[in-house]
Protein backbone atom coordinates (compact mmCIF):
# COMPACT_ATOMS: atom_id res chain seq x y z
CA UNK A 1 0.00 0.00 0.00
CA UNK A 2 2.86 2.36 -0.82
CA UNK A 3 0.90 4.19 -3.53
CA UNK A 4 -0.30 7.66 -2.59
CA UNK A 5 -3.33 8.86 -4.52
CA UNK A 6 -4.11 12.45 -5.32
CA UNK A 7 -7.65 13.66 -4.76
CA UNK A 8 -8.38 13.32 -8.49
CA UNK A 9 -6.90 9.82 -8.55
CA UNK A 10 -9.03 8.77 -5.59
CA UNK A 11 -12.13 10.04 -7.37
CA UNK A 12 -11.09 7.90 -10.36
CA UNK A 13 -10.62 4.85 -8.12
CA UNK A 14 -14.14 5.33 -6.76
CA UNK A 15 -15.60 5.85 -10.23
CA UNK A 16 -13.83 2.80 -11.69
CA UNK A 17 -15.07 0.66 -8.81
CA UNK A 18 -18.64 1.84 -9.28
CA UNK A 19 -18.37 1.28 -13.04
CA UNK A 20 -17.15 -2.22 -12.25
CA UNK A 21 -20.41 -3.05 -10.51
CA UNK A 22 -20.04 -1.91 -6.89
CA UNK A 23 -22.79 0.62 -6.11
CA UNK A 24 -21.74 3.92 -4.55
CA UNK A 25 -23.93 3.43 -1.47
CA UNK A 26 -22.17 0.12 -0.83
CA UNK A 27 -18.80 1.88 -0.80
CA UNK A 28 -20.19 4.53 1.53
CA UNK A 29 -21.55 1.89 3.91
CA UNK A 30 -18.13 0.19 3.92
CA UNK A 31 -16.39 3.49 4.62
CA UNK A 32 -18.68 4.29 7.53
CA UNK A 33 -18.31 0.79 8.94
CA UNK A 34 -14.52 1.08 8.76
CA UNK A 35 -14.59 4.27 10.81
CA UNK A 36 -16.90 2.68 13.38
CA UNK A 37 -14.59 -0.35 13.72
CA UNK A 38 -11.61 1.91 14.29
CA UNK A 39 -13.49 3.96 16.87
CA UNK A 40 -14.81 0.94 18.78
CA UNK A 41 -11.33 -0.59 18.89
CA UNK A 42 -9.98 2.50 20.66
CA UNK A 43 -12.78 3.89 22.83
CA UNK A 44 -15.63 2.61 24.96
CA UNK A 45 -19.10 3.96 24.19
CA UNK A 46 -19.55 7.52 25.39
CA UNK A 47 -21.32 10.67 24.14
CA UNK A 48 -20.41 11.34 20.52
CA UNK A 49 -21.23 14.11 18.07
CA UNK A 50 -21.04 13.28 14.37
CA UNK A 51 -20.54 16.44 12.32
CA UNK A 52 -21.64 15.96 8.71
CA UNK A 53 -20.83 18.16 5.75
CA UNK A 54 -22.82 18.75 2.56
CA UNK A 55 -21.01 16.20 0.38
CA UNK A 56 -20.00 12.55 0.38
CA UNK A 57 -17.88 13.04 3.49
CA UNK A 58 -21.09 14.00 5.23
CA UNK A 59 -22.74 10.90 3.77
CA UNK A 60 -20.06 8.81 5.48
CA UNK A 61 -21.00 10.64 8.68
CA UNK A 62 -24.64 9.58 8.43
CA UNK A 63 -23.53 5.95 8.10
CA UNK A 64 -21.17 6.31 11.06
CA UNK A 65 -23.84 7.83 13.28
CA UNK A 66 -26.32 5.06 12.44
CA UNK A 67 -23.85 2.25 13.06
CA UNK A 68 -22.57 3.75 16.31
CA UNK A 69 -26.14 4.13 17.53
CA UNK A 70 -26.83 0.49 16.66
CA UNK A 71 -23.73 -0.45 18.65
CA UNK A 72 -25.10 1.25 21.74
CA UNK A 73 -23.30 4.58 21.58
CA UNK A 74 -25.08 7.79 22.58
CA UNK A 75 -24.93 9.76 19.34
CA UNK A 76 -25.99 13.18 18.13
CA UNK A 77 -25.80 14.05 14.45
CA UNK A 78 -25.36 17.60 13.18
CA UNK A 79 -25.40 18.71 9.55
CA UNK A 80 -23.72 21.71 7.99
CA UNK A 81 -26.36 22.84 5.53
CA UNK A 82 -29.80 21.43 4.80
CA UNK A 83 -30.77 17.79 4.48
CA UNK A 84 -32.77 18.55 1.33
CA UNK A 85 -29.61 19.78 -0.39
CA UNK A 86 -27.84 16.42 -0.10
CA UNK A 87 -27.43 14.58 -3.39
CA UNK A 88 -26.48 11.14 -4.65
CA UNK A 89 -24.97 8.62 -2.25
CA UNK A 90 -25.00 11.13 0.59
CA UNK A 91 -28.76 11.54 0.23
CA UNK A 92 -29.19 7.76 0.29
CA UNK A 93 -27.13 7.51 3.50
CA UNK A 94 -29.09 10.35 5.09
CA UNK A 95 -32.35 8.60 4.23
CA UNK A 96 -31.28 5.60 6.31
CA UNK A 97 -30.77 7.76 9.41
CA UNK A 98 -33.95 7.84 11.49
CA UNK A 99 -32.71 10.03 14.31
CA UNK A 100 -32.86 13.82 14.61
CA UNK A 101 -30.63 15.99 12.42
CA UNK A 102 -29.42 19.10 14.25
CA UNK A 103 -27.85 22.15 12.71
CA UNK A 104 -24.08 22.18 13.05
CA UNK A 105 -23.16 24.64 15.78
CA UNK A 106 -20.21 25.03 18.17
CA UNK A 107 -22.41 24.65 21.25
CA UNK A 108 -22.99 20.98 20.35
CA UNK A 109 -19.41 20.26 21.39
CA UNK A 110 -19.89 21.43 24.95
CA UNK A 111 -19.37 18.71 27.52
CA UNK A 112 -16.35 17.24 25.72
CA UNK A 113 -17.96 14.57 23.52
CA UNK A 114 -16.01 12.41 21.08
CA UNK A 115 -16.17 14.30 17.77
CA UNK A 116 -16.47 12.55 14.42
CA UNK A 117 -15.31 15.08 11.83
CA UNK A 118 -17.16 14.20 8.62
CA UNK A 119 -17.49 17.80 7.45
CA UNK A 120 -15.14 17.97 4.46
CA UNK A 121 -12.89 15.47 2.71
CA UNK A 122 -9.54 15.78 0.98
CA UNK A 123 -10.80 17.78 -2.01
CA UNK A 124 -11.81 20.95 -0.17
CA UNK A 125 -11.22 23.78 -2.63
CA UNK A 126 -11.41 26.92 -0.48
CA UNK A 127 -10.60 28.05 3.05
CA UNK A 128 -13.15 27.30 5.74
CA UNK A 129 -15.21 30.26 6.89
CA UNK A 130 -18.49 31.09 8.56
CA UNK A 131 -20.18 28.35 10.56
CA UNK A 132 -17.80 25.69 9.21
CA UNK A 133 -14.85 27.57 10.66
CA UNK A 134 -16.65 28.19 13.94
CA UNK A 135 -17.43 24.48 14.35
CA UNK A 136 -13.83 23.50 13.59
CA UNK A 137 -12.59 26.07 16.09
CA UNK A 138 -14.87 24.48 18.69
CA UNK A 139 -13.12 21.14 18.18
CA UNK A 140 -10.02 22.52 19.88
CA UNK A 141 -9.23 20.44 22.95
CA UNK A 142 -11.71 17.70 21.98
CA UNK A 143 -10.88 14.14 20.91
CA UNK A 144 -11.45 14.19 17.15
CA UNK A 145 -11.76 11.32 14.69
CA UNK A 146 -11.36 12.60 11.12
CA UNK A 147 -13.04 10.91 8.18
CA UNK A 148 -10.57 10.86 5.26
CA UNK A 149 -8.65 13.96 6.44
CA UNK A 150 -9.19 16.55 9.16
CA UNK A 151 -11.55 19.11 7.64
CA UNK A 152 -9.52 21.94 6.15
CA UNK A 153 -6.49 19.84 5.23
CA UNK A 154 -5.94 19.59 1.49
CA UNK A 155 -5.41 15.99 0.45
CA UNK A 156 -2.84 16.75 -2.25
CA UNK A 157 -0.59 19.17 -0.40
CA UNK A 158 -1.20 18.77 3.33
CA UNK A 159 -1.71 22.52 3.54
CA UNK A 160 -4.39 23.94 5.80
CA UNK A 161 -7.23 25.79 4.11
CA UNK A 162 -7.71 28.45 6.74
CA UNK A 163 -8.15 26.17 9.76
CA UNK A 164 -8.21 22.45 10.57
CA UNK A 165 -8.68 20.44 13.77
CA UNK A 166 -6.09 18.30 15.51
CA UNK A 167 -7.29 14.73 15.09
CA UNK A 168 -6.38 11.84 17.36
CA UNK A 169 -7.29 9.40 14.59
CA UNK A 170 -7.83 9.73 10.85
CA UNK A 171 -9.49 6.93 8.91
CA UNK A 172 -8.96 7.09 5.16
CA UNK A 173 -9.91 4.64 2.45
CA UNK A 174 -8.06 2.37 0.00
CA UNK A 175 -4.84 4.39 -0.10
CA UNK A 176 -3.34 7.36 1.72
CA UNK A 177 -3.10 10.72 0.05
CA UNK A 178 -0.02 12.95 -0.04
CA UNK A 179 -1.68 15.27 2.48
CA UNK A 180 -1.52 12.53 5.10
CA UNK A 181 2.29 12.65 4.90
CA UNK A 182 3.09 16.26 4.02
CA UNK A 183 3.27 18.92 6.69
CA UNK A 184 1.34 20.49 8.28
CA UNK A 185 -1.41 18.00 7.44
CA UNK A 186 0.62 15.07 8.66
CA UNK A 187 0.89 16.58 12.14
CA UNK A 188 -2.88 17.13 12.28
CA UNK A 189 -3.92 13.61 11.24
CA UNK A 190 -2.82 11.80 14.38
CA UNK A 191 -2.87 8.04 13.90
CA UNK A 192 -3.78 7.18 10.30
CA UNK A 193 -5.73 4.02 9.49
CA UNK A 194 -6.11 2.97 5.85
CA UNK A 195 -9.31 0.96 5.50
CA UNK A 196 -10.26 -1.54 2.81
CA UNK A 197 -13.74 -0.64 1.59
CA UNK A 198 -13.93 -2.93 -1.42
CA UNK A 199 -12.00 -0.97 -4.04
CA UNK A 200 -9.93 -3.56 -5.93
CA UNK A 201 -6.18 -3.05 -6.29
CA UNK A 202 -6.59 -3.56 -10.04
CA UNK A 203 -7.91 0.00 -10.41
CA UNK A 204 -4.33 1.14 -9.86
CA UNK A 205 -3.42 -0.31 -13.25
CA UNK A 206 -5.63 2.28 -14.87
CA UNK A 207 -4.47 5.11 -12.62
CA UNK A 208 -0.69 4.44 -12.63
CA UNK A 209 0.00 6.60 -9.57
CA UNK A 210 3.27 8.52 -9.71
CA UNK A 211 3.57 9.28 -5.99
CA UNK A 212 4.72 6.68 -3.48
CA UNK A 213 5.61 6.43 0.19
CA UNK A 214 9.36 5.97 0.41
CA UNK A 215 10.62 2.65 1.73
CA UNK A 216 12.95 -0.25 0.93
CA UNK A 217 10.41 -2.09 -1.20
CA UNK A 218 10.84 0.62 -3.82
CA UNK A 219 14.60 0.28 -4.30
CA UNK A 220 16.28 -2.47 -2.25
CA UNK A 221 16.37 -4.97 -5.12
CA UNK A 222 18.62 -2.48 -6.89
CA UNK A 223 20.70 -1.64 -3.85
CA UNK A 224 24.44 -1.92 -4.72
CA UNK A 225 25.51 -4.65 -2.31
CA UNK A 226 29.19 -5.55 -2.87
CA UNK A 227 29.72 -8.52 -5.17
CA UNK A 228 31.98 -11.38 -4.20
CA UNK A 229 34.47 -10.37 -6.91
CA UNK A 230 34.25 -6.64 -6.17
CA UNK A 231 37.24 -4.42 -5.48
CA UNK A 232 37.41 -0.84 -4.29
CA UNK A 233 37.48 0.67 -7.78
CA UNK A 234 34.40 -1.33 -8.76
CA UNK A 235 32.55 0.34 -5.90
CA UNK A 236 33.14 3.85 -7.23
CA UNK A 237 35.46 6.71 -6.44
CA UNK A 238 33.59 9.69 -5.01
CA UNK A 239 34.96 13.21 -4.77
CA UNK A 240 33.86 15.69 -2.09
CA UNK A 241 34.74 19.35 -2.54
CA UNK A 242 36.10 20.61 0.77
CA UNK A 243 36.00 24.24 1.82
CA UNK A 244 38.72 26.26 3.54
CA UNK A 245 36.80 27.34 6.64
CA UNK A 246 33.80 25.13 7.42
CA UNK A 247 35.73 21.90 7.06
CA UNK A 248 33.36 19.88 9.23
CA UNK A 249 30.65 19.85 6.57
CA UNK A 250 32.72 18.12 3.88
CA UNK A 251 34.20 15.73 6.44
CA UNK A 252 30.72 14.65 7.49
CA UNK A 253 29.74 14.19 3.85
CA UNK A 254 32.82 12.14 3.10
CA UNK A 255 32.21 9.85 6.05
CA UNK A 256 28.60 9.42 4.94
CA UNK A 257 29.81 8.41 1.46
CA UNK A 258 32.25 5.89 2.92
CA UNK A 259 29.65 4.31 5.19
CA UNK A 260 27.22 4.11 2.27
CA UNK A 261 29.73 1.92 0.48
CA UNK A 262 31.80 4.05 -1.89
CA UNK A 263 35.05 2.21 -2.63
CA UNK A 264 37.17 5.35 -2.39
CA UNK A 265 36.45 8.92 -1.30
CA UNK A 266 38.69 11.86 -2.08
CA UNK A 267 38.31 15.24 -0.42
CA UNK A 268 39.49 17.96 -2.77
CA UNK A 269 40.43 21.02 -0.72
CA UNK A 270 42.63 24.13 -0.73
CA UNK A 271 46.31 23.39 0.02
CA UNK A 272 46.22 25.18 3.35
CA UNK A 273 43.38 22.96 4.54
CA UNK A 274 45.02 19.63 3.74
CA UNK A 275 46.26 19.06 7.34
CA UNK A 276 42.74 19.51 8.71
CA UNK A 277 41.21 16.97 6.36
CA UNK A 278 44.14 14.58 6.60
CA UNK A 279 43.83 14.51 10.38
CA UNK A 280 40.34 13.09 10.07
CA UNK A 281 39.44 9.61 8.89
CA UNK A 282 42.44 7.63 7.62
CA UNK A 283 40.09 6.07 5.06
CA UNK A 284 39.91 9.36 3.17
CA UNK A 285 42.17 10.46 0.36
CA UNK A 286 42.99 14.17 0.55
CA UNK A 287 44.04 16.08 -2.57
CA UNK A 288 44.99 19.75 -2.67
CA UNK A 289 43.31 21.75 -5.42
CA UNK A 290 44.49 25.33 -5.44
CA UNK A 291 42.17 26.55 -8.18
CA UNK A 292 39.56 25.53 -10.72
CA UNK A 293 42.19 24.21 -13.12
CA UNK A 294 43.54 21.87 -10.45
CA UNK A 295 40.01 20.68 -9.68
CA UNK A 296 39.44 20.00 -13.37
CA UNK A 297 42.66 18.00 -13.51
CA UNK A 298 41.54 15.92 -10.53
CA UNK A 299 38.22 15.17 -12.20
CA UNK A 300 39.93 14.15 -15.43
CA UNK A 301 40.57 10.74 -13.87
CA UNK A 302 37.73 8.60 -15.30
CA UNK A 303 37.69 6.42 -12.20
CA UNK A 304 36.39 9.39 -10.20
CA UNK A 305 32.78 8.98 -11.24
CA UNK A 306 30.74 11.08 -8.81
CA UNK A 307 31.20 14.40 -7.05
CA UNK A 308 29.54 16.26 -4.21
CA UNK A 309 29.84 20.03 -4.12
CA UNK A 310 28.40 22.46 -1.63
CA UNK A 311 28.81 21.49 2.02
CA UNK A 312 31.10 24.12 3.55
CA UNK A 313 32.35 25.14 0.09
CA UNK A 314 31.66 28.84 0.49
CA UNK A 315 29.32 31.00 -1.57
CA UNK A 316 30.66 32.78 -4.61
CA UNK A 317 32.25 32.66 -8.04
CA UNK A 318 34.85 30.04 -7.10
CA UNK A 319 32.19 27.54 -6.05
CA UNK A 320 30.13 28.31 -9.15
CA UNK A 321 33.12 27.62 -11.36
CA UNK A 322 33.84 24.31 -9.67
CA UNK A 323 30.23 23.18 -9.99
CA UNK A 324 30.30 23.91 -13.70
CA UNK A 325 33.65 22.13 -14.00
CA UNK A 326 32.22 18.99 -12.41
CA UNK A 327 29.19 19.11 -14.71
CA UNK A 328 31.38 19.67 -17.76
CA UNK A 329 33.51 16.70 -16.73
CA UNK A 330 30.46 14.46 -17.12
CA UNK A 331 30.41 13.32 -13.50
CA UNK A 332 27.34 12.34 -11.60
CA UNK A 333 26.90 15.31 -9.29
CA UNK A 334 25.24 15.90 -5.94
CA UNK A 335 24.74 19.62 -5.39
CA UNK A 336 23.92 20.89 -1.92
CA UNK A 337 24.11 23.99 0.27
CA UNK A 338 26.65 26.53 -1.04
CA UNK A 339 26.73 24.94 -4.49
CA UNK A 340 23.09 25.96 -4.88
CA UNK A 341 23.23 29.31 -3.10
CA UNK A 342 26.14 30.34 -5.30
CA UNK A 343 23.72 30.39 -8.25
CA UNK A 344 21.03 32.42 -6.48
CA UNK A 345 21.63 35.43 -8.74
CA UNK A 346 21.57 33.35 -11.93
CA UNK A 347 19.73 30.06 -11.34
CA UNK A 348 19.21 29.55 -15.06
CA UNK A 349 22.98 29.23 -15.48
CA UNK A 350 22.82 26.15 -13.27
CA UNK A 351 19.56 24.64 -14.50
CA UNK A 352 20.56 24.69 -18.14
CA UNK A 353 23.66 22.61 -17.36
CA UNK A 354 21.98 19.93 -15.26
CA UNK A 355 20.94 16.46 -16.39
CA UNK A 356 19.45 13.22 -15.12
CA UNK A 357 22.74 12.19 -13.48
CA UNK A 358 22.48 15.13 -11.08
CA UNK A 359 20.87 15.34 -7.66
CA UNK A 360 19.96 18.61 -5.95
CA UNK A 361 19.46 18.40 -2.18
CA UNK A 362 18.10 21.79 -1.07
CA UNK A 363 16.30 22.72 2.10
CA UNK A 364 13.43 25.15 1.69
CA UNK A 365 15.65 28.24 1.81
CA UNK A 366 18.03 26.96 -0.85
CA UNK A 367 15.11 25.79 -2.97
CA UNK A 368 13.68 29.31 -2.90
CA UNK A 369 16.98 30.73 -4.15
CA UNK A 370 17.12 28.46 -7.18
CA UNK A 371 13.39 28.22 -7.92
CA UNK A 372 11.99 31.51 -6.54
CA UNK A 373 8.82 31.31 -8.63
CA UNK A 374 7.97 27.86 -7.21
CA UNK A 375 7.95 28.83 -3.55
CA UNK A 376 4.16 28.59 -3.34
CA UNK A 377 1.01 30.59 -3.57
CA UNK A 378 -0.76 31.91 -0.51
CA UNK A 379 -4.15 30.28 -0.11
CA UNK A 380 -3.80 27.93 -3.10
CA UNK A 381 -2.89 24.70 -1.36
CA UNK A 382 -3.35 22.49 -4.39
CA UNK A 383 -0.88 24.62 -6.38
CA UNK A 384 1.69 25.55 -3.76
CA UNK A 385 2.32 22.23 -2.03
CA UNK A 386 5.77 20.78 -1.51
CA UNK A 387 5.12 17.83 -3.78
CA UNK A 388 4.03 20.06 -6.63
CA UNK A 389 7.01 22.35 -6.18
CA UNK A 390 9.56 19.54 -6.12
CA UNK A 391 8.05 17.96 -9.23
CA UNK A 392 8.03 21.26 -11.09
CA UNK A 393 11.66 21.92 -10.15
CA UNK A 394 12.80 18.47 -11.31
CA UNK A 395 10.96 18.84 -14.60
CA UNK A 396 12.45 22.27 -15.17
CA UNK A 397 16.09 21.39 -14.57
CA UNK A 398 16.06 17.78 -15.73
CA UNK A 399 17.65 16.58 -12.49
CA UNK A 400 16.43 14.72 -9.42
CA UNK A 401 15.36 17.09 -6.65
CA UNK A 402 15.46 16.07 -2.98
CA UNK A 403 13.57 18.78 -1.10
CA UNK A 404 14.51 18.26 2.52
CA UNK A 405 12.48 18.49 5.70
CA UNK A 406 10.58 16.28 8.11
CA UNK A 407 8.46 15.42 5.05
CA UNK A 408 11.27 15.14 2.47
CA UNK A 409 10.10 14.82 -1.14
CA UNK A 410 12.25 13.24 -3.85
CA UNK A 411 11.11 14.05 -7.39
CA UNK A 412 12.41 12.85 -10.76
CA UNK A 413 12.17 14.76 -14.04
CA UNK A 414 9.72 12.16 -15.42
CA UNK A 415 7.13 12.93 -12.73
CA UNK A 416 7.86 10.13 -10.26
CA UNK A 417 7.99 11.25 -6.65
CA UNK A 418 8.22 9.80 -3.17
CA UNK A 419 7.44 11.25 0.22
CA UNK A 420 9.61 10.13 3.11
CA UNK A 421 8.01 9.61 6.52
CA UNK A 422 10.59 7.99 8.82
CA UNK A 423 12.67 11.03 9.80
CA UNK A 424 12.62 11.75 13.55
CA UNK A 425 12.84 15.29 14.96
CA UNK A 426 16.35 14.46 16.23
CA UNK A 427 17.62 15.05 12.67
CA UNK A 428 17.14 18.79 13.18
CA UNK A 429 20.80 19.22 14.05
CA UNK A 430 23.74 20.90 12.32
CA UNK A 431 25.45 18.72 9.74
CA UNK A 432 22.77 16.08 9.30
CA UNK A 433 22.07 17.31 5.77
CA UNK A 434 25.77 17.05 4.93
CA UNK A 435 25.72 13.39 5.94
CA UNK A 436 22.62 12.81 3.81
CA UNK A 437 24.27 14.34 0.75
CA UNK A 438 27.33 12.17 1.34
CA UNK A 439 25.25 9.02 1.66
CA UNK A 440 23.52 9.76 -1.64
CA UNK A 441 26.93 10.40 -3.22
CA UNK A 442 28.25 7.06 -1.99
CA UNK A 443 25.31 5.19 -3.49
CA UNK A 444 25.53 7.04 -6.80
CA UNK A 445 29.27 6.35 -7.00
CA UNK A 446 28.47 2.63 -6.76
CA UNK A 447 26.27 2.91 -9.83
CA UNK A 448 22.86 3.20 -8.22
CA UNK A 449 20.30 5.12 -10.26
CA UNK A 450 20.17 8.72 -9.03
CA UNK A 451 16.47 8.65 -8.11
CA UNK A 452 16.84 5.30 -6.34
CA UNK A 453 19.96 6.52 -4.56
CA UNK A 454 18.21 9.65 -3.33
CA UNK A 455 15.24 7.63 -2.05
CA UNK A 456 17.49 5.07 -0.37
CA UNK A 457 19.72 7.71 1.22
CA UNK A 458 16.77 9.60 2.70
CA UNK A 459 15.26 6.45 4.19
CA UNK A 460 18.59 5.14 5.53
CA UNK A 461 19.33 8.58 7.00
CA UNK A 462 16.04 8.51 8.90
CA UNK A 463 16.54 4.91 10.05
CA UNK A 464 20.06 5.68 11.28
CA UNK A 465 18.67 8.56 13.34
CA UNK A 466 15.91 6.35 14.73
CA UNK A 467 18.46 3.66 15.61
CA UNK A 468 20.60 6.13 17.56
CA UNK A 469 17.74 7.94 19.26
CA UNK A 470 17.76 11.05 21.49
CA UNK A 471 20.98 13.00 21.82
CA UNK A 472 21.84 12.51 18.14
CA UNK A 473 24.45 14.72 16.52
CA UNK A 474 25.48 14.54 12.89
CA UNK A 475 28.66 12.57 13.64
CA UNK A 476 26.53 9.72 14.96
CA UNK A 477 24.69 9.14 11.70
CA UNK A 478 27.41 7.46 9.60
CA UNK A 479 28.35 5.12 12.44
CA UNK A 480 24.71 4.14 13.01
CA UNK A 481 24.36 3.20 9.34
CA UNK A 482 26.04 -0.26 9.41
CA UNK A 483 23.41 -1.64 11.78
CA UNK A 484 20.63 -0.32 9.54
CA UNK A 485 22.28 -1.81 6.46
CA UNK A 486 22.67 -5.15 8.20
CA UNK A 487 18.94 -5.30 8.86
CA UNK A 488 18.14 -4.12 5.34
CA UNK A 489 20.33 -6.82 3.80
CA UNK A 490 18.79 -9.49 5.97
CA UNK A 491 15.42 -8.46 4.61
CA UNK A 492 16.59 -8.89 1.04
CA UNK A 493 17.65 -12.50 1.62
């Protein structure tokens, strides 16, 4: 169930199922029953208010209220809008409810009932206002169960359309949507349950979803485990550009590349910095490169097949020139941090030189410097979401884009994208991004496809942080990686 369906794709899945002979009211009954099962597994019967909206999400609410009442729960049902305005499956579900229908109003939530939020689903197109907003505001401090998504969260982007409640539990159907994993929606969903309501997996053949939840099943069969006859040169020779002042960044990257399996790693640095880099890991090769010409000469060695530029490199013309030299040398390139910021005044000069062998690893600030027109649009959640932005950036520059954060998105130029969900808050520490870039470099140097390498590096990075736990600093990540890789390899066998 790694596929993530957009709102439009979920509508198609519903429509294809109905066209295949499953009536819409049957799907709605199954959805309501799934929510009731999840609720009854977690709470004992107590006063509950089911808040229904004017569409199919509200129809689910009518089913939920009826089934909870049949199970012995004290239930009140409130509708936003008029019962006579309900249409289609929602009207059918409402017709099966024999209890009173109250008007949705904040006062109904007095006394701290369990709240079933069936107001709006994932396709909400405008910010909540009026009574809808007032009712959502009244959910604050209550235990909320959201049907599909918390009302106000956009299913495609995870952005909040004005306001949304904090749910303890969200029950969605068939497959998750990107908004369940992208912030801030992810933080508002609470526990997410994906319920089977009778939509067959075969509908995915007709949809061909392009967005997936990141995890080993996507890439581990192509993971570059060392072969019995391998030698260090067969495992790639990665180059990390080292800066003169912030030497820690490149050292962290280089160690990440080594732990990820690169056969050799060379740090290319200014002559005066050689002692600093040489005093680090004895596994590293340190080469002095006094200028761009010396860097070009280093890259002329065909065995050096991948390069990382940016961590601690410094912002300016010298870094720009070295990035272009690496691209001109035909190397697979990972560009991070200063390598991106150095092109802030002329991002087109970078984008026009990139290709499918390149990986960009920006955080939001660096992304905004290279793709300022893709930063997002206030109030237009479906247009300004992180997934949309990363995809647009990858398509524009023809490279893989890894847009970092607690909800990292990896996007390929052909439209494929993954959302990563295993990163703990402990990764919010200086240098962790440098290690991530180095890990991706190490995998690319071993011949792993750039998109696969980016996905694998992000997941391994999160797992290494989880394995170490609280107190994590960036230096801990590379040394936590072997244990993660051991478990990953055992799963392949």
